[in-house]
Amino acid sequence: MSEARSHHGRRTANPLPFWMILLAVAALCGFGYLFGPEYYHDPKYVQTHVGARVLVFILAGIILAAILRARSGGDTFVRRIPGLTAIDETVGRSTEMGRPITFSLGLGTLDIQTLQALAIALHVVKLAIRFGTRVIVTMRYATVYAVAEEAISEAYAAAGRPESFNPDDVRFLSDRQFAYASAMMGLIIRERAAANYMFGEFYAESLILAEAGNQVGAIQVAGTPTITQIPFFIAACDYTIIGDEYYAATAYLTRDPILSGSLLGQDRGKMILLGLVLLGVLAATALTLLGTAEAKEAIKFMAEVFTKAK
């Protein structure tokens, strides 16, 4: 297979022709129609919900096109995220001070939030390996511990330093919320962490952990999709990752073409959805002002197109 050079200087394989992907998508759609649920064959269902189906395929096509463009070497700009840019600073500071980095994966189970936090932790670990800096990763659930230990061990092996991996630096503290918070707080203070990361799902313990980091003068970077805890992180941490920045972190750090293209495509899809929402509001307002029976039926149809899709 031929190769092309991306704008990052790496050689990437040319993607499959677009017509082949469209053919595969069409084949899958036909398979779903023939062997899917019975209501797919109901003309009323098709008439009522075809709009939502078309929109889904349009959004999927936009994301797919963005991924293909990124894989073929197209530019996929991701704006600067200060909290993630500061990773180099935190690792460098920890190395200079000879003190470890602590990284909490939060209270989540093995879900998308915790896996995203683990991906960020692996990036920090890989950078710290180059300078011989310790990174102590903690979690609440044993299932997360097993995955994290294996992933971090592989990171050391991939860097050519498997003997430097210390299993004690991956710690399962407790499956109880405040027992975990107490253990993590004691760990930060005893180790006098130079940098403290908190990524994942957090609740009432968020400020407890952040205050422990402040007591030892650690640079603190936090990120969580739990919106009720974001104000506490903003108040107590040096950098806070909020909103979609949390899920964009992997694409930002790795610059992987597939992840970056998917991120770009999703952003374009959100812009289209926002535009449709605004157009729908304007159309519904205009039809309401008309007040006719036909206008009311049109409003009802517009609502059913997206609210009753299966």
Protein backbone atom coordinates (compact mmCIF):
# COMPACT_ATOMS: atom_id res chain seq x y z
CA MET A 1 0.00 0.00 0.00
CA SER A 2 1.33 3.44 -0.89
CA GLU A 3 2.15 5.98 1.77
CA ALA A 4 1.80 9.74 2.16
CA ARG A 5 3.58 12.15 4.50
CA SER A 6 1.33 14.01 6.95
CA HIS A 7 1.79 17.62 8.07
CA HIS A 8 3.35 16.30 11.29
CA GLY A 9 6.18 14.74 9.31
CA ARG A 10 5.08 11.12 9.82
CA ARG A 11 4.38 8.73 6.99
CA THR A 12 0.79 7.53 7.00
CA ALA A 13 -0.90 4.94 4.81
CA ASN A 14 -3.37 6.28 2.24
CA PRO A 15 -6.96 5.52 3.29
CA LEU A 16 -9.36 3.34 1.36
CA PRO A 17 -11.13 4.99 -1.60
CA PHE A 18 -14.19 6.91 -0.50
CA TRP A 19 -16.49 5.01 -2.86
CA MET A 20 -15.56 1.74 -1.16
CA ILE A 21 -16.52 3.14 2.22
CA LEU A 22 -19.83 4.44 0.85
CA LEU A 23 -20.51 1.02 -0.66
CA ALA A 24 -19.83 -0.67 2.67
CA VAL A 25 -22.13 1.77 4.49
CA ALA A 26 -24.89 1.21 1.92
CA ALA A 27 -24.50 -2.58 2.31
CA LEU A 28 -24.80 -2.30 6.08
CA CYS A 29 -27.91 -0.13 5.74
CA GLY A 30 -29.48 -2.67 3.39
CA PHE A 31 -28.64 -5.50 5.78
CA GLY A 32 -30.22 -3.57 8.65
CA TYR A 33 -33.37 -2.90 6.66
CA LEU A 34 -33.78 -6.54 5.59
CA PHE A 35 -32.95 -8.19 8.90
CA GLY A 36 -33.67 -5.42 11.40
CA PRO A 37 -36.75 -4.87 13.59
CA GLU A 38 -40.21 -5.19 12.02
CA TYR A 39 -41.03 -1.52 12.46
CA TYR A 40 -38.33 -0.69 9.88
CA HIS A 41 -40.79 -1.94 7.23
CA ASP A 42 -43.72 0.14 8.49
CA PRO A 43 -44.39 2.96 5.97
CA LYS A 44 -45.66 5.21 8.76
CA TYR A 45 -42.42 4.74 10.67
CA VAL A 46 -40.34 5.55 7.59
CA GLN A 47 -42.45 8.61 6.84
CA THR A 48 -42.26 9.91 10.40
CA HIS A 49 -38.66 9.17 11.29
CA VAL A 50 -36.73 9.23 8.03
CA GLY A 51 -35.48 12.75 8.84
CA ALA A 52 -33.65 11.59 11.94
CA ARG A 53 -32.12 8.66 10.04
CA VAL A 54 -30.90 10.96 7.27
CA LEU A 55 -29.39 13.33 9.85
CA VAL A 56 -27.55 10.47 11.57
CA PHE A 57 -26.01 9.35 8.27
CA ILE A 58 -25.05 12.93 7.38
CA LEU A 59 -23.27 13.39 10.72
CA ALA A 60 -21.57 10.01 10.38
CA GLY A 61 -20.44 10.97 6.88
CA ILE A 62 -19.01 14.26 8.12
CA ILE A 63 -17.01 12.50 10.86
CA LEU A 64 -15.83 9.83 8.42
CA ALA A 65 -14.76 12.44 5.87
CA ALA A 66 -12.80 14.35 8.54
CA ILE A 67 -11.01 11.15 9.60
CA LEU A 68 -10.10 10.31 6.01
CA ARG A 69 -8.82 13.82 5.43
CA ALA A 70 -6.68 13.64 8.57
CA ARG A 71 -5.27 10.23 7.60
CA SER A 72 -4.32 11.52 4.15
CA GLY A 73 -2.27 14.33 5.68
CA GLY A 74 -4.83 17.14 5.90
CA ASP A 75 -4.50 19.80 8.59
CA THR A 76 -6.51 19.09 11.76
CA PHE A 77 -5.99 22.05 14.04
CA VAL A 78 -6.76 21.56 17.74
CA ARG A 79 -6.61 24.72 19.80
CA ARG A 80 -4.20 25.00 22.71
CA ILE A 81 -5.46 23.56 26.01
CA PRO A 82 -3.39 25.17 28.80
CA GLY A 83 -3.86 22.36 31.34
CA LEU A 84 -2.51 19.76 28.92
CA THR A 85 0.26 22.01 27.67
CA ALA A 86 1.44 22.29 31.29
CA ILE A 87 2.26 18.57 31.48
CA ASP A 88 5.85 19.22 30.35
CA GLU A 89 6.18 21.90 33.02
CA THR A 90 4.90 19.64 35.80
CA VAL A 91 7.17 16.74 34.86
CA GLY A 92 10.17 19.06 34.56
CA ARG A 93 9.46 20.63 37.94
CA SER A 94 9.11 17.24 39.60
CA THR A 95 12.41 16.12 38.08
CA GLU A 96 14.25 19.24 39.27
CA MET A 97 12.86 18.95 42.80
CA GLY A 98 13.41 15.19 43.01
CA ARG A 99 9.84 14.65 44.17
CA PRO A 100 7.18 12.36 42.65
CA ILE A 101 4.01 13.07 40.70
CA THR A 102 0.69 11.81 42.07
CA PHE A 103 -2.17 10.97 39.72
CA SER A 104 -5.70 10.15 40.92
CA LEU A 105 -7.98 8.34 38.48
CA GLY A 106 -11.02 9.37 40.50
CA LEU A 107 -13.90 7.31 41.83
CA GLY A 108 -15.17 5.90 38.53
CA THR A 109 -15.41 2.29 37.50
CA LEU A 110 -13.98 0.99 34.25
CA ASP A 111 -16.02 3.43 32.14
CA ILE A 112 -15.25 6.00 29.45
CA GLN A 113 -14.40 8.71 32.00
CA THR A 114 -11.85 6.56 33.81
CA LEU A 115 -10.37 5.21 30.57
CA GLN A 116 -9.87 8.77 29.35
CA ALA A 117 -8.17 9.63 32.66
CA LEU A 118 -5.95 6.55 32.28
CA ALA A 119 -4.96 7.63 28.76
CA ILE A 120 -3.82 11.00 30.14
CA ALA A 121 -2.00 9.24 32.99
CA LEU A 122 -0.13 7.08 30.48
CA HIS A 123 1.01 10.18 28.61
CA VAL A 124 2.36 11.65 31.86
CA VAL A 125 4.06 8.34 32.74
CA LYS A 126 5.73 8.05 29.32
CA LEU A 127 7.11 11.56 29.65
CA ALA A 128 8.27 10.93 33.22
CA ILE A 129 10.05 7.70 32.23
CA ARG A 130 12.47 9.71 30.09
CA PHE A 131 13.63 11.68 33.15
CA GLY A 132 13.42 8.92 35.74
CA THR A 133 10.62 10.61 37.66
CA ARG A 134 8.17 8.59 39.73
CA VAL A 135 4.45 8.77 38.97
CA ILE A 136 2.18 7.30 41.65
CA VAL A 137 -1.22 6.40 40.17
CA THR A 138 -4.14 5.64 42.49
CA MET A 139 -7.68 4.41 41.96
CA ARG A 140 -10.77 3.30 43.83
CA TYR A 141 -11.77 0.05 42.08
CA ALA A 142 -9.81 -3.18 41.76
CA THR A 143 -10.84 -3.61 38.11
CA VAL A 144 -9.31 -0.24 37.27
CA TYR A 145 -6.19 -1.23 39.21
CA ALA A 146 -5.66 -4.35 37.10
CA VAL A 147 -5.97 -2.44 33.82
CA ALA A 148 -3.83 0.49 35.01
CA GLU A 149 -1.02 -1.72 36.30
CA GLU A 150 -0.82 -3.64 33.03
CA ALA A 151 -0.92 -0.47 30.91
CA ILE A 152 1.76 1.32 32.92
CA SER A 153 3.96 -1.78 32.98
CA GLU A 154 3.72 -1.94 29.18
CA ALA A 155 4.62 1.75 28.95
CA TYR A 156 7.89 1.10 30.81
CA ALA A 157 8.61 -1.93 28.63
CA ALA A 158 7.93 0.05 25.45
CA ALA A 159 10.35 2.74 26.63
CA GLY A 160 13.05 0.09 27.07
CA ARG A 161 13.14 0.40 30.86
CA PRO A 162 11.01 -2.46 32.24
CA GLU A 163 13.28 -2.75 35.30
CA SER A 164 12.30 0.79 36.36
CA PHE A 165 8.64 -0.11 36.80
CA ASN A 166 7.67 -0.24 40.48
CA PRO A 167 4.35 -2.06 41.11
CA ASP A 168 3.97 -0.08 44.35
CA ASP A 169 3.53 3.08 42.26
CA VAL A 170 0.15 1.79 41.07
CA ARG A 171 -2.04 1.67 44.16
CA PHE A 172 -5.56 0.52 44.93
CA LEU A 173 -6.40 2.53 48.05
CA SER A 174 -10.01 1.73 48.98
CA ASP A 175 -13.41 1.18 47.42
CA ARG A 176 -14.95 3.58 49.98
CA GLN A 177 -15.22 7.20 48.93
CA PHE A 178 -13.81 8.99 51.96
CA ALA A 179 -11.41 6.18 52.85
CA TYR A 180 -9.95 6.65 49.38
CA ALA A 181 -9.88 10.43 49.86
CA SER A 182 -8.10 10.10 53.24
CA ALA A 183 -5.52 7.68 51.83
CA MET A 184 -4.87 9.87 48.80
CA MET A 185 -4.54 12.96 50.96
CA GLY A 186 -2.02 11.21 53.21
CA LEU A 187 -0.08 9.98 50.17
CA ILE A 188 0.24 13.48 48.70
CA ILE A 189 1.46 14.91 52.01
CA ARG A 190 3.87 12.07 52.88
CA GLU A 191 5.44 11.97 49.41
CA ARG A 192 5.44 15.78 49.17
CA ALA A 193 4.31 15.56 45.55
CA ALA A 194 5.71 18.21 43.22
CA ALA A 195 2.71 17.82 40.89
CA ASN A 196 -0.74 16.41 41.49
CA TYR A 197 -3.13 15.29 38.76
CA MET A 198 -6.82 14.57 39.32
CA PHE A 199 -8.67 13.22 36.30
CA GLY A 200 -11.86 11.19 36.26
CA GLU A 201 -15.09 11.12 38.22
CA PHE A 202 -15.06 13.08 41.48
CA TYR A 203 -17.60 14.09 44.08
CA ALA A 204 -17.35 15.62 47.57
CA GLU A 205 -13.71 14.58 47.99
CA SER A 206 -12.48 16.82 45.17
CA LEU A 207 -11.68 19.80 47.41
CA ILE A 208 -10.08 17.53 50.04
CA LEU A 209 -7.57 16.24 47.49
CA ALA A 210 -6.93 19.67 46.00
CA GLU A 211 -6.26 21.20 49.43
CA ALA A 212 -3.76 18.43 50.19
CA GLY A 213 -1.89 19.36 47.03
CA ASN A 214 -1.91 23.02 48.03
CA GLN A 215 -0.42 22.17 51.43
CA VAL A 216 2.72 20.71 49.84
CA GLY A 217 2.95 23.35 47.10
CA ALA A 218 2.24 20.99 44.21
CA ILE A 219 1.30 22.17 40.72
CA GLN A 220 -2.21 20.82 40.27
CA VAL A 221 -3.99 19.88 37.06
CA ALA A 222 -7.55 18.58 37.27
CA GLY A 223 -10.23 17.50 34.84
CA THR A 224 -13.65 15.97 35.30
CA PRO A 225 -16.97 15.74 33.45
CA THR A 226 -18.75 15.97 36.82
CA ILE A 227 -19.97 19.55 36.48
CA THR A 228 -20.79 19.97 40.19
CA GLN A 229 -17.09 19.59 41.08
CA ILE A 230 -15.61 21.84 38.41
CA PRO A 231 -15.98 25.05 40.53
CA PHE A 232 -13.93 23.48 43.35
CA PHE A 233 -11.17 22.45 40.96
CA ILE A 234 -11.12 25.90 39.39
CA ALA A 235 -10.76 27.49 42.84
CA ALA A 236 -8.06 25.14 44.16
CA CYS A 237 -6.03 23.99 41.11
CA ASP A 238 -3.58 25.71 38.79
CA TYR A 239 -5.19 24.28 35.64
CA THR A 240 -8.64 22.79 35.13
CA ILE A 241 -9.89 20.87 32.10
CA ILE A 242 -13.60 21.51 31.58
CA GLY A 243 -16.33 20.53 29.14
CA ASP A 244 -15.32 18.88 25.87
CA GLU A 245 -11.66 19.53 26.63
CA TYR A 246 -11.75 16.44 28.86
CA TYR A 247 -12.69 14.11 26.00
CA ALA A 248 -10.49 15.94 23.49
CA ALA A 249 -7.40 15.37 25.62
CA THR A 250 -6.30 12.13 23.93
CA ALA A 251 -6.47 13.66 20.46
CA TYR A 252 -4.63 16.75 21.71
CA LEU A 253 -1.81 14.81 23.36
CA THR A 254 -1.24 12.08 20.79
CA ARG A 255 -2.08 14.04 17.60
CA ASP A 256 -3.30 10.74 16.19
CA PRO A 257 -4.91 11.38 12.75
CA ILE A 258 -7.95 9.21 13.47
CA LEU A 259 -8.63 10.82 16.84
CA SER A 260 -7.97 14.34 15.56
CA GLY A 261 -10.16 13.79 12.49
CA SER A 262 -12.95 12.36 14.62
CA LEU A 263 -12.74 15.37 16.95
CA LEU A 264 -12.92 17.78 14.01
CA GLY A 265 -15.86 15.92 12.48
CA GLN A 266 -17.77 15.90 15.75
CA ASP A 267 -17.27 19.65 16.16
CA ARG A 268 -18.65 20.23 12.67
CA GLY A 269 -21.59 17.97 13.50
CA LYS A 270 -22.31 20.02 16.63
CA MET A 271 -22.32 23.20 14.55
CA ILE A 272 -24.85 21.64 12.18
CA LEU A 273 -27.05 20.50 15.07
CA LEU A 274 -26.89 23.96 16.63
CA GLY A 275 -27.90 25.49 13.30
CA LEU A 276 -30.82 23.06 12.99
CA VAL A 277 -31.96 23.90 16.52
CA LEU A 278 -31.94 27.63 15.73
CA LEU A 279 -33.78 27.08 12.45
CA GLY A 280 -36.32 24.88 14.24
CA VAL A 281 -36.93 27.52 16.89
CA LEU A 282 -37.42 30.21 14.25
CA ALA A 283 -39.72 27.98 12.18
CA ALA A 284 -41.79 26.94 15.20
CA THR A 285 -42.10 30.57 16.30
CA ALA A 286 -43.25 31.67 12.84
CA LEU A 287 -45.77 28.81 12.57
CA THR A 288 -47.11 29.54 16.06
CA LEU A 289 -47.69 33.16 15.12
CA LEU A 290 -49.70 32.00 12.11
CA GLY A 291 -52.00 30.01 14.39
CA THR A 292 -53.61 27.95 11.63
CA ALA A 293 -54.45 24.25 11.86
CA GLU A 294 -51.89 23.46 9.17
CA ALA A 295 -49.22 25.35 11.15
CA LYS A 296 -49.99 23.34 14.30
CA GLU A 297 -49.71 20.08 12.36
CA ALA A 298 -46.39 21.21 10.92
CA ILE A 299 -45.04 21.95 14.42
CA LYS A 300 -46.17 18.53 15.63
CA PHE A 301 -44.48 16.84 12.67
CA MET A 302 -41.23 18.72 13.27
CA ALA A 303 -41.20 17.60 16.90
CA GLU A 304 -41.94 13.95 16.07
CA VAL A 305 -39.14 13.72 13.52
CA PHE A 306 -36.49 13.90 16.26
CA THR A 307 -38.27 13.04 19.51
CA LYS A 308 -39.76 9.67 18.52
CA ALA A 309 -36.86 8.18 16.57
CA LYS A 310 -35.94 4.60 17.49
